[in-house]
């Protein structure tokens, strides 16, 4: 039997197909809103951890940075190897295309990892790479956050480092094994984001990857808003005056 009742001279009599479609869309909109809200809570926890560790004292992690909690501040003594650097392609900063510079760093105990020294702009020509030549002493104490390699959303946007002998090598969202193969030496899986207060880097306005928590919460409210609009339309279209 179809849904049917009267209120103050108006009859509510929607068809079953419209009712089923409305219920289905409501479930979709509410579910998407909940998913975005949960993503926002997860991102908020990540951003809270990022901000909390910004004021935490750096810790000595000479054993292995792979064992250190993500975003933890570390202070590591050793030396840079600027002869073999990587340029991470397809990295934008404030809407401008560019690269992030990964430079190998060797600890006093022989372990090697990559230091992200920051972002440099794209010069407009693929055959003219930015000048990232090393200046000053190679021996240094690196202070920065432990992080993961940047992850690309689409496989089509990834490109491993070229196999030629030219350095620096341009690569787009490579994995650890590809970087290790290109370097020809074992490296730690995690990298270090060079602290903006430390010399020897480029643009370093670090933040957790992906959308901010507020964007996820905003999307959640939009989906729930669509659900409310759908209900209003459903009721408005199906209340008719009784003749």
Protein backbone atom coordinates (compact mmCIF):
# COMPACT_ATOMS: atom_id res chain seq x y z
CA UNK A 1 0.00 0.00 0.00
CA UNK A 2 1.36 3.47 -0.84
CA UNK A 3 2.10 6.00 1.93
CA UNK A 4 -0.91 8.31 2.29
CA UNK A 5 -2.20 10.68 4.96
CA UNK A 6 -3.81 14.13 5.18
CA UNK A 7 -2.76 17.22 7.16
CA UNK A 8 -4.86 20.42 7.20
CA UNK A 9 -6.42 19.96 3.83
CA UNK A 10 -3.27 18.61 2.17
CA UNK A 11 -2.58 15.04 1.27
CA UNK A 12 0.84 13.43 1.44
CA UNK A 13 0.87 10.68 -1.19
CA UNK A 14 4.35 9.93 -2.58
CA UNK A 15 4.89 7.10 -5.00
CA UNK A 16 6.88 4.05 -3.94
CA UNK A 17 9.61 4.59 -6.57
CA UNK A 18 10.19 8.15 -5.33
CA UNK A 19 10.17 6.99 -1.72
CA UNK A 20 12.70 4.22 -2.37
CA UNK A 21 14.95 6.57 -4.35
CA UNK A 22 14.79 9.15 -1.57
CA UNK A 23 15.64 6.60 1.11
CA UNK A 24 18.56 5.31 -0.96
CA UNK A 25 19.97 8.80 -1.55
CA UNK A 26 19.50 9.70 2.11
CA UNK A 27 21.53 6.67 3.14
CA UNK A 28 24.26 7.63 0.66
CA UNK A 29 24.43 11.27 1.78
CA UNK A 30 24.41 10.43 5.49
CA UNK A 31 27.08 7.73 5.02
CA UNK A 32 29.34 10.05 3.03
CA UNK A 33 28.93 12.70 5.72
CA UNK A 34 29.88 10.24 8.46
CA UNK A 35 32.88 9.05 6.43
CA UNK A 36 34.13 12.62 5.94
CA UNK A 37 33.61 13.39 9.64
CA UNK A 38 35.60 10.33 10.65
CA UNK A 39 38.35 11.32 8.21
CA UNK A 40 38.34 14.76 9.80
CA UNK A 41 38.77 13.27 13.28
CA UNK A 42 41.65 11.11 12.04
CA UNK A 43 43.31 14.11 10.40
CA UNK A 44 42.76 16.19 13.54
CA UNK A 45 44.60 13.57 15.60
CA UNK A 46 47.43 13.62 13.05
CA UNK A 47 47.64 17.42 13.10
CA UNK A 48 47.55 17.44 16.90
CA UNK A 49 50.50 15.05 16.97
CA UNK A 50 52.32 17.22 14.43
CA UNK A 51 51.77 20.39 16.47
CA UNK A 52 52.59 18.70 19.77
CA UNK A 53 55.95 17.46 18.54
CA UNK A 54 56.86 20.89 17.18
CA UNK A 55 57.56 22.01 20.75
CA UNK A 56 59.05 18.72 21.92
CA UNK A 57 62.83 18.54 22.39
CA UNK A 58 64.75 16.80 19.65
CA UNK A 59 65.86 13.28 20.48
CA UNK A 60 68.97 11.42 19.43
CA UNK A 61 67.93 8.63 17.03
CA UNK A 62 71.27 7.34 15.81
CA UNK A 63 70.15 3.71 15.97
CA UNK A 64 67.49 3.92 13.24
CA UNK A 65 65.00 6.62 12.29
CA UNK A 66 62.64 3.86 11.16
CA UNK A 67 62.03 3.12 14.84
CA UNK A 68 61.10 6.70 15.73
CA UNK A 69 57.48 7.83 15.92
CA UNK A 70 56.32 9.76 12.87
CA UNK A 71 56.74 13.55 13.16
CA UNK A 72 59.09 13.20 16.12
CA UNK A 73 61.84 15.81 16.21
CA UNK A 74 65.33 14.30 15.95
CA UNK A 75 68.88 15.61 16.03
CA UNK A 76 71.34 13.54 14.00
CA UNK A 77 75.09 14.05 13.49
CA UNK A 78 76.84 13.00 10.31
CA UNK A 79 77.57 14.28 6.83
CA UNK A 80 75.64 15.02 3.63
CA UNK A 81 76.31 13.32 0.29
CA UNK A 82 75.30 16.08 -2.16
CA UNK A 83 76.71 14.37 -5.25
CA UNK A 84 73.60 12.18 -5.51
CA UNK A 85 70.42 14.09 -4.85
CA UNK A 86 66.81 13.52 -5.88
CA UNK A 87 64.25 16.05 -7.06
CA UNK A 88 60.70 15.01 -6.17
CA UNK A 89 58.56 16.19 -9.08
CA UNK A 90 54.90 17.26 -9.08
CA UNK A 91 55.12 19.01 -5.73
CA UNK A 92 53.27 22.31 -5.60
CA UNK A 93 53.59 25.12 -3.07
CA UNK A 94 50.89 27.77 -2.86
CA UNK A 95 49.71 26.85 -6.34
CA UNK A 96 53.16 26.94 -7.95
CA UNK A 97 54.79 23.86 -9.45
CA UNK A 98 58.16 22.71 -8.22
CA UNK A 99 60.30 20.04 -6.63
CA UNK A 100 61.33 18.89 -3.17
CA UNK A 101 65.02 18.18 -2.66
CA UNK A 102 66.10 14.87 -1.10
CA UNK A 103 69.74 14.72 -0.07
CA UNK A 104 71.44 11.59 1.35
CA UNK A 105 72.83 11.93 4.85
CA UNK A 106 75.21 9.44 6.51
CA UNK A 107 75.20 9.07 10.28
CA UNK A 108 78.35 8.56 12.29
CA UNK A 109 77.36 4.90 12.69
CA UNK A 110 77.17 4.38 8.91
CA UNK A 111 73.38 4.36 8.50
CA UNK A 112 72.08 6.43 5.61
CA UNK A 113 68.77 8.22 5.10
CA UNK A 114 67.33 11.03 2.99
CA UNK A 115 66.84 14.58 4.22
CA UNK A 116 64.06 16.60 2.60
CA UNK A 117 65.69 20.04 2.39
CA UNK A 118 62.56 21.76 1.15
CA UNK A 119 60.81 23.00 -1.97
CA UNK A 120 62.29 24.76 -5.00
CA UNK A 121 60.23 26.26 -7.87
CA UNK A 122 60.00 24.81 -11.37
CA UNK A 123 62.00 27.00 -13.72
CA UNK A 124 59.72 26.58 -16.73
CA UNK A 125 61.92 24.14 -18.67
CA UNK A 126 62.25 20.41 -18.04
CA UNK A 127 65.83 20.35 -19.30
CA UNK A 128 66.89 23.12 -16.89
CA UNK A 129 66.83 21.80 -13.36
CA UNK A 130 67.10 24.13 -10.37
CA UNK A 131 70.54 24.71 -8.94
CA UNK A 132 70.78 22.65 -5.75
CA UNK A 133 74.57 22.51 -5.61
CA UNK A 134 75.97 22.15 -2.11
CA UNK A 135 77.42 25.10 -0.25
CA UNK A 136 79.55 24.91 2.85
CA UNK A 137 80.67 21.99 5.01
CA UNK A 138 79.15 18.56 4.51
CA UNK A 139 79.47 17.67 8.19
CA UNK A 140 76.38 18.79 10.04
CA UNK A 141 73.81 18.05 12.71
CA UNK A 142 70.43 17.56 11.07
CA UNK A 143 67.41 18.68 13.10
CA UNK A 144 63.98 17.86 11.76
CA UNK A 145 60.89 15.69 11.81
CA UNK A 146 60.77 12.02 10.93
CA UNK A 147 58.26 11.43 8.13
CA UNK A 148 57.23 9.04 5.37
CA UNK A 149 57.95 9.43 1.67
CA UNK A 150 55.25 11.46 -0.14
CA UNK A 151 52.54 9.24 -1.61
CA UNK A 152 50.94 9.92 -4.99
CA UNK A 153 47.23 9.42 -5.47
CA UNK A 154 47.41 7.95 -8.98
CA UNK A 155 49.81 5.31 -10.25
CA UNK A 156 50.00 7.16 -13.59
CA UNK A 157 51.60 10.10 -11.79
CA UNK A 158 54.51 8.06 -10.44
CA UNK A 159 57.90 7.79 -12.10
CA UNK A 160 61.00 6.07 -10.68
CA UNK A 161 64.40 7.74 -10.87
CA UNK A 162 65.99 7.32 -14.34
CA UNK A 163 68.68 4.67 -14.69
CA UNK A 164 71.23 6.99 -16.32
CA UNK A 165 74.32 8.37 -14.61
CA UNK A 166 73.09 11.95 -14.38
CA UNK A 167 72.46 13.61 -11.02
CA UNK A 168 70.29 15.02 -9.55
CA UNK A 169 67.62 12.55 -10.61
CA UNK A 170 64.04 13.73 -11.14
CA UNK A 171 61.44 11.31 -9.82
CA UNK A 172 57.73 11.46 -9.06
CA UNK A 173 56.38 9.74 -5.91
CA UNK A 174 58.95 6.91 -5.90
CA UNK A 175 58.92 4.11 -3.38
CA UNK A 176 61.77 3.24 -1.05
CA UNK A 177 63.11 0.41 -3.19
CA UNK A 178 63.33 2.60 -6.30
CA UNK A 179 65.31 5.25 -4.45
CA UNK A 180 67.58 2.63 -2.93
CA UNK A 181 68.25 1.06 -6.34
CA UNK A 182 69.04 4.42 -7.92
CA UNK A 183 71.37 5.38 -5.08
CA UNK A 184 73.03 1.98 -5.09
CA UNK A 185 73.21 1.97 -1.30
CA UNK A 186 70.94 0.94 1.54
CA UNK A 187 68.85 3.75 3.02
CA UNK A 188 66.34 4.01 5.83
CA UNK A 189 62.68 3.85 4.81
CA UNK A 190 61.78 7.05 6.55
CA UNK A 191 63.06 10.52 5.73
CA UNK A 192 63.70 13.64 7.81
CA UNK A 193 62.02 16.97 7.07
CA UNK A 194 64.71 19.57 7.69
CA UNK A 195 63.61 22.08 10.32
CA UNK A 196 63.00 25.59 8.90
CA UNK A 197 65.37 27.07 11.49
CA UNK A 198 68.30 24.97 10.25
CA UNK A 199 70.44 26.42 7.41
CA UNK A 200 71.11 24.57 4.18
CA UNK A 201 67.53 24.18 2.95
CA UNK A 202 64.87 25.76 0.80
CA UNK A 203 61.18 26.55 1.35
CA UNK A 204 60.03 24.49 4.34
CA UNK A 205 56.45 25.11 5.42
CA UNK A 206 55.78 21.59 6.67
CA UNK A 207 52.34 20.24 7.49
CA UNK A 208 50.71 16.79 7.48
CA UNK A 209 49.82 15.59 3.96
CA UNK A 210 46.35 15.77 2.45
CA UNK A 211 43.38 17.95 3.30
CA UNK A 212 43.15 19.82 6.59
CA UNK A 213 40.68 18.55 9.23
CA UNK A 214 38.44 21.58 8.69
CA UNK A 215 38.02 20.69 5.02
CA UNK A 216 36.84 17.18 5.92
CA UNK A 217 34.41 18.55 8.51
CA UNK A 218 33.13 21.05 5.95
CA UNK A 219 32.54 18.29 3.39
CA UNK A 220 30.68 16.26 6.04
CA UNK A 221 28.34 19.17 6.74
CA UNK A 222 27.76 19.60 3.00
CA UNK A 223 26.71 15.97 2.58
CA UNK A 224 24.37 16.21 5.54
CA UNK A 225 23.04 19.44 4.09
CA UNK A 226 22.24 17.60 0.87
CA UNK A 227 20.31 15.05 2.94
CA UNK A 228 18.22 17.81 4.54
CA UNK A 229 17.52 19.44 1.17
CA UNK A 230 16.49 16.06 -0.23
CA UNK A 231 13.99 15.57 2.61
CA UNK A 232 12.55 19.04 2.11
CA UNK A 233 12.13 18.43 -1.62
CA UNK A 234 10.60 15.01 -1.01
CA UNK A 235 8.00 16.45 1.37
CA UNK A 236 7.36 19.57 -0.70
CA UNK A 237 6.78 17.68 -3.93
CA UNK A 238 4.44 15.15 -2.39
CA UNK A 239 2.10 17.36 -0.32
CA UNK A 240 -0.86 18.27 -2.52
CA UNK A 241 -4.09 20.11 -1.86
CA UNK A 242 -7.10 17.87 -1.55
CA UNK A 243 -9.53 18.79 -4.32
